[in-house]
Amino acid sequence: AMHQRVLSDKSAVESVQGQVKNEQKSTAKGYFLELALFCLFFGINLTVTLLTNQILKLTCQSFEEYNDILCNSLSQNDESTREIEEKLQPFVARILMTNNLINTIITAVLSLFLGPYSDVFGRKNVLAASFSGFSLTLALNALITFISEHQRLSPWTYTVAHIPQILGGGWPTLLTAVSCYVTDTNEETKRATRITFVGTVVFIGVLLGILSCNFILPLTGPTLVFVISASCASIGTLIVFFGVNESINVPENISKCDQLKTL
């Protein structure tokens, strides 16, 4: 009788766990994550080329022999400025390389900690942190661009704007969290299809973002393009906060302070 009761209790626990797991899958199957990713990747890629041009412009302004009119005319395929651009390219390449190294190395190290953290305290926290980091970086880019239209700034200022993106985990953490979320919320037979759909949405967001810059920039200006970019990423962040459900059981009796200590 004792043996039968133990088996019965064990079956009951497994049944409850199975119901919780199935309930999570049913409540987390919405496509809010894909919509958020589309907004984020569209916003980021809307300013990829523009950001390089802005760094080139500020680098030009850092040389006293070049005036603002000349620096503003760069990146327009003008033969008269080709020689100046070639002179500035090594400085711009150094800044871009530094930005890429910082974003790659530091965020890769952070992802080693944020990945296991999400296994215990949920995917949504990590997703929200990543989206928020990208949104704040784009907002800072908009602010820097606005200020640069009224006074000269160092081109390294755009490097400082990457700090929120780095603290949020950057690309490695975002991709890890998305992969884990898809795995949590889809049955094994449907994961490949969902991952393919996510990849398709991301690709469309990247493509539309890159192509849209050429149409939006002449109608608005660099600052407004960055504002639109930050707004799109912010919309994606709000979708994550209010539309994406948690996909795992998160301990309810652990404070945020204790979670940070665990991290």
Protein backbone atom coordinates (compact mmCIF):
# COMPACT_ATOMS: atom_id res chain seq x y z
CA ALA A 1 0.00 0.00 0.00
CA MET A 2 2.88 2.33 0.86
CA HIS A 3 4.51 1.54 -2.49
CA GLN A 4 1.29 2.23 -4.36
CA ARG A 5 0.79 5.57 -2.53
CA VAL A 6 4.33 6.72 -3.44
CA LEU A 7 3.73 5.88 -7.06
CA SER A 8 0.39 7.65 -6.95
CA ASP A 9 1.95 10.79 -5.43
CA LYS A 10 4.74 10.72 -8.01
CA SER A 11 2.23 10.39 -10.85
CA ALA A 12 0.25 13.29 -9.45
CA VAL A 13 3.33 15.51 -9.32
CA GLU A 14 4.28 14.58 -12.89
CA SER A 15 0.71 15.26 -13.99
CA VAL A 16 0.75 18.72 -12.41
CA GLN A 17 4.15 19.50 -13.93
CA GLY A 18 2.90 18.36 -17.31
CA GLN A 19 -0.18 20.57 -17.02
CA VAL A 20 1.97 23.58 -16.07
CA LYS A 21 4.31 22.92 -18.97
CA ASN A 22 1.46 22.55 -21.43
CA GLU A 23 -0.20 25.69 -20.05
CA GLN A 24 3.03 27.63 -20.56
CA LYS A 25 3.29 26.42 -24.13
CA SER A 26 -0.29 27.40 -24.90
CA THR A 27 0.01 30.88 -23.36
CA ALA A 28 3.41 31.64 -24.89
CA LYS A 29 2.68 30.62 -28.47
CA GLY A 30 1.69 34.07 -29.63
CA TYR A 31 3.80 35.80 -32.24
CA PHE A 32 4.51 38.89 -30.18
CA LEU A 33 8.19 37.96 -30.03
CA GLU A 34 8.47 37.96 -33.82
CA LEU A 35 6.73 41.34 -33.99
CA ALA A 36 9.14 42.72 -31.39
CA LEU A 37 12.13 41.36 -33.27
CA PHE A 38 10.90 42.91 -36.51
CA CYS A 39 10.61 46.35 -34.87
CA LEU A 40 14.05 46.01 -33.29
CA PHE A 41 15.92 44.86 -36.38
CA PHE A 42 14.14 47.39 -38.58
CA GLY A 43 15.09 50.20 -36.20
CA ILE A 44 18.72 49.12 -35.87
CA ASN A 45 19.34 48.61 -39.59
CA LEU A 46 17.59 51.86 -40.46
CA THR A 47 20.67 53.70 -39.15
CA VAL A 48 23.54 51.31 -39.96
CA THR A 49 24.81 53.27 -42.96
CA LEU A 50 23.84 56.61 -41.44
CA LEU A 51 25.85 55.90 -38.29
CA THR A 52 28.99 55.30 -40.35
CA ASN A 53 28.40 58.55 -42.23
CA GLN A 54 27.92 60.43 -38.96
CA ILE A 55 31.19 59.07 -37.58
CA LEU A 56 32.88 60.16 -40.82
CA LYS A 57 31.39 63.63 -40.46
CA LEU A 58 32.48 64.06 -36.83
CA THR A 59 35.94 62.75 -37.69
CA CYS A 60 36.16 65.38 -40.41
CA GLN A 61 35.08 68.09 -37.97
CA SER A 62 37.82 67.05 -35.55
CA PHE A 63 40.36 68.42 -38.07
CA GLU A 64 40.61 72.19 -37.86
CA GLU A 65 41.49 72.59 -41.54
CA TYR A 66 38.05 71.31 -42.61
CA ASN A 67 34.96 73.48 -42.21
CA ASP A 68 31.45 72.27 -41.43
CA ILE A 69 30.20 72.81 -44.97
CA LEU A 70 32.89 70.54 -46.36
CA CYS A 71 32.32 67.88 -43.69
CA ASN A 72 28.57 67.89 -44.33
CA SER A 73 29.18 67.20 -48.02
CA LEU A 74 31.06 63.94 -47.39
CA SER A 75 29.56 60.54 -48.31
CA GLN A 76 27.74 62.01 -51.32
CA ASN A 77 29.91 60.39 -54.01
CA ASP A 78 31.42 63.75 -54.83
CA GLU A 79 34.77 63.62 -56.62
CA SER A 80 35.89 66.83 -54.91
CA THR A 81 35.74 65.18 -51.47
CA ARG A 82 37.10 61.77 -52.46
CA GLU A 83 40.65 62.63 -51.38
CA ILE A 84 39.47 63.86 -47.97
CA GLU A 85 37.40 60.74 -47.41
CA GLU A 86 40.39 58.54 -48.18
CA LYS A 87 42.41 60.47 -45.62
CA LEU A 88 39.71 60.07 -42.97
CA GLN A 89 38.95 56.39 -43.61
CA PRO A 90 41.74 54.99 -41.35
CA PHE A 91 40.43 57.03 -38.40
CA VAL A 92 36.84 55.96 -39.07
CA ALA A 93 37.90 52.32 -39.45
CA ARG A 94 39.66 52.48 -36.08
CA ILE A 95 36.52 53.78 -34.38
CA LEU A 96 34.28 51.18 -36.03
CA MET A 97 36.71 48.38 -35.17
CA THR A 98 36.78 49.48 -31.53
CA ASN A 99 32.98 49.57 -31.40
CA ASN A 100 32.76 46.07 -32.89
CA LEU A 101 35.38 44.63 -30.54
CA ILE A 102 33.71 46.11 -27.46
CA ASN A 103 30.28 44.89 -28.54
CA THR A 104 31.60 41.43 -29.41
CA ILE A 105 33.99 40.57 -26.58
CA ILE A 106 32.18 42.06 -23.59
CA THR A 107 28.73 40.87 -24.64
CA ALA A 108 30.04 37.37 -25.38
CA VAL A 109 31.39 37.16 -21.83
CA LEU A 110 28.12 38.50 -20.39
CA SER A 111 26.12 35.90 -22.31
CA LEU A 112 27.96 33.14 -20.42
CA PHE A 113 26.30 34.40 -17.23
CA LEU A 114 22.97 35.62 -18.59
CA GLY A 115 22.23 32.30 -20.32
CA PRO A 116 22.23 30.19 -17.11
CA TYR A 117 20.52 33.07 -15.30
CA SER A 118 17.61 32.86 -17.72
CA ASP A 119 17.26 29.13 -17.05
CA VAL A 120 16.33 29.94 -13.45
CA PHE A 121 14.78 33.40 -13.46
CA GLY A 122 13.10 33.45 -16.85
CA ARG A 123 13.71 34.36 -20.48
CA LYS A 124 11.58 37.49 -20.37
CA ASN A 125 13.97 39.36 -18.05
CA VAL A 126 16.89 38.73 -20.40
CA LEU A 127 14.85 39.59 -23.49
CA ALA A 128 13.65 42.82 -21.89
CA ALA A 129 17.21 43.76 -20.88
CA SER A 130 18.53 43.17 -24.40
CA PHE A 131 15.73 45.12 -26.09
CA SER A 132 16.06 47.97 -23.59
CA GLY A 133 19.81 48.17 -24.15
CA PHE A 134 19.43 48.48 -27.92
CA SER A 135 16.65 51.06 -27.55
CA LEU A 136 18.68 53.24 -25.20
CA THR A 137 21.73 53.07 -27.48
CA LEU A 138 19.65 54.22 -30.45
CA ALA A 139 18.14 57.00 -28.34
CA LEU A 140 21.63 58.17 -27.35
CA ASN A 141 22.65 58.09 -31.01
CA ALA A 142 19.73 60.40 -31.78
CA LEU A 143 20.76 62.76 -28.97
CA ILE A 144 24.40 62.81 -30.09
CA THR A 145 23.37 63.49 -33.68
CA PHE A 146 21.13 66.35 -32.58
CA ILE A 147 23.91 67.95 -30.50
CA SER A 148 26.44 67.49 -33.32
CA GLU A 149 24.27 69.66 -35.57
CA HIS A 150 24.87 72.61 -33.24
CA GLN A 151 28.41 72.02 -31.99
CA ARG A 152 31.42 69.88 -32.75
CA LEU A 153 31.73 66.56 -30.94
CA SER A 154 34.36 63.86 -30.89
CA PRO A 155 33.50 60.88 -33.14
CA TRP A 156 34.26 58.65 -30.14
CA THR A 157 31.06 59.93 -28.56
CA TYR A 158 29.14 57.31 -30.54
CA THR A 159 31.27 54.65 -28.83
CA VAL A 160 29.98 55.83 -25.43
CA ALA A 161 26.42 55.39 -26.73
CA HIS A 162 27.03 51.62 -26.99
CA ILE A 163 27.22 51.23 -23.19
CA PRO A 164 23.48 50.47 -22.67
CA GLN A 165 23.58 47.93 -25.50
CA ILE A 166 26.58 46.23 -23.89
CA LEU A 167 25.03 46.19 -20.41
CA GLY A 168 21.88 44.63 -21.90
CA GLY A 169 23.91 41.71 -23.22
CA GLY A 170 24.04 42.70 -26.90
CA TRP A 171 23.62 40.28 -29.77
CA PRO A 172 24.90 37.05 -28.11
CA THR A 173 22.45 37.36 -25.21
CA LEU A 174 19.55 38.35 -27.47
CA LEU A 175 20.08 35.40 -29.81
CA THR A 176 20.50 33.01 -26.87
CA ALA A 177 17.32 34.23 -25.19
CA VAL A 178 15.32 34.01 -28.43
CA SER A 179 16.54 30.46 -29.09
CA CYS A 180 15.71 29.37 -25.53
CA TYR A 181 12.28 31.00 -25.69
CA VAL A 182 11.43 29.23 -28.95
CA THR A 183 12.61 25.93 -27.47
CA ASP A 184 10.51 26.45 -24.33
CA THR A 185 7.31 27.40 -26.10
CA ASN A 186 7.22 24.92 -28.97
CA GLU A 187 7.03 21.19 -29.19
CA GLU A 188 10.05 19.42 -30.63
CA THR A 189 8.34 18.72 -33.96
CA LYS A 190 7.46 22.41 -34.45
CA ARG A 191 10.66 24.12 -33.28
CA ALA A 192 12.38 24.08 -36.67
CA THR A 193 9.38 25.73 -38.31
CA ARG A 194 9.18 28.40 -35.60
CA ILE A 195 12.92 29.12 -35.80
CA THR A 196 12.62 29.43 -39.59
CA PHE A 197 9.76 31.87 -39.17
CA VAL A 198 11.78 33.91 -36.66
CA GLY A 199 14.70 34.02 -39.08
CA THR A 200 12.43 35.13 -41.92
CA VAL A 201 10.95 37.95 -39.84
CA VAL A 202 14.42 39.12 -38.81
CA PHE A 203 15.61 39.05 -42.43
CA ILE A 204 12.64 41.12 -43.58
CA GLY A 205 13.27 43.63 -40.78
CA VAL A 206 16.94 43.95 -41.72
CA LEU A 207 16.20 44.32 -45.43
CA LEU A 208 13.43 46.89 -45.00
CA GLY A 209 15.52 48.84 -42.51
CA ILE A 210 18.50 49.14 -44.84
CA LEU A 211 16.36 50.04 -47.87
CA SER A 212 14.15 52.52 -46.01
CA CYS A 213 17.04 54.77 -44.96
CA ASN A 214 17.57 55.96 -48.53
CA PHE A 215 13.94 57.10 -48.73
CA ILE A 216 13.48 58.52 -45.22
CA LEU A 217 16.77 60.42 -44.89
CA PRO A 218 16.18 62.95 -47.73
CA LEU A 219 12.70 63.72 -46.36
CA THR A 220 13.72 64.17 -42.74
CA GLY A 221 17.35 64.41 -41.71
CA PRO A 222 19.89 62.40 -39.67
CA THR A 223 18.42 63.27 -36.27
CA LEU A 224 14.85 62.33 -37.20
CA VAL A 225 16.05 59.07 -38.75
CA PHE A 226 17.71 58.17 -35.46
CA VAL A 227 14.53 59.19 -33.60
CA ILE A 228 12.45 56.91 -35.85
CA SER A 229 14.99 54.14 -35.30
CA ALA A 230 14.88 54.51 -31.51
CA SER A 231 11.06 54.68 -31.60
CA CYS A 232 10.79 51.41 -33.52
CA ALA A 233 13.16 49.67 -31.09
CA SER A 234 11.21 51.13 -28.15
CA ILE A 235 7.96 49.75 -29.58
CA GLY A 236 9.63 46.34 -29.78
CA THR A 237 10.71 46.71 -26.14
CA LEU A 238 7.16 47.53 -25.04
CA ILE A 239 5.87 44.49 -26.91
CA VAL A 240 8.33 42.32 -24.98
CA PHE A 241 7.28 43.84 -21.65
CA PHE A 242 3.52 43.59 -22.20
CA GLY A 243 2.99 41.02 -24.95
CA VAL A 244 5.53 38.25 -24.38
CA ASN A 245 4.68 35.74 -21.67
CA GLU A 246 7.25 34.04 -19.50
CA SER A 247 8.07 30.54 -20.77
CA ILE A 248 9.41 28.85 -17.61
CA ASN A 249 8.46 28.58 -13.94
CA VAL A 250 10.14 31.48 -12.13
CA PRO A 251 10.63 31.38 -8.33
CA GLU A 252 8.27 33.90 -6.76
CA ASN A 253 9.96 34.29 -3.37
CA ILE A 254 13.31 35.60 -4.64
CA SER A 255 13.84 39.37 -4.74
CA LYS A 256 15.51 41.25 -7.58
CA CYS A 257 18.50 41.87 -5.30
CA ASP A 258 18.93 38.14 -4.72
CA GLN A 259 18.63 37.54 -8.46
CA LEU A 260 21.47 39.97 -9.11
CA LYS A 261 23.57 38.23 -6.46
CA THR A 262 22.91 34.91 -8.17
CA LEU A 263 23.95 36.43 -11.48
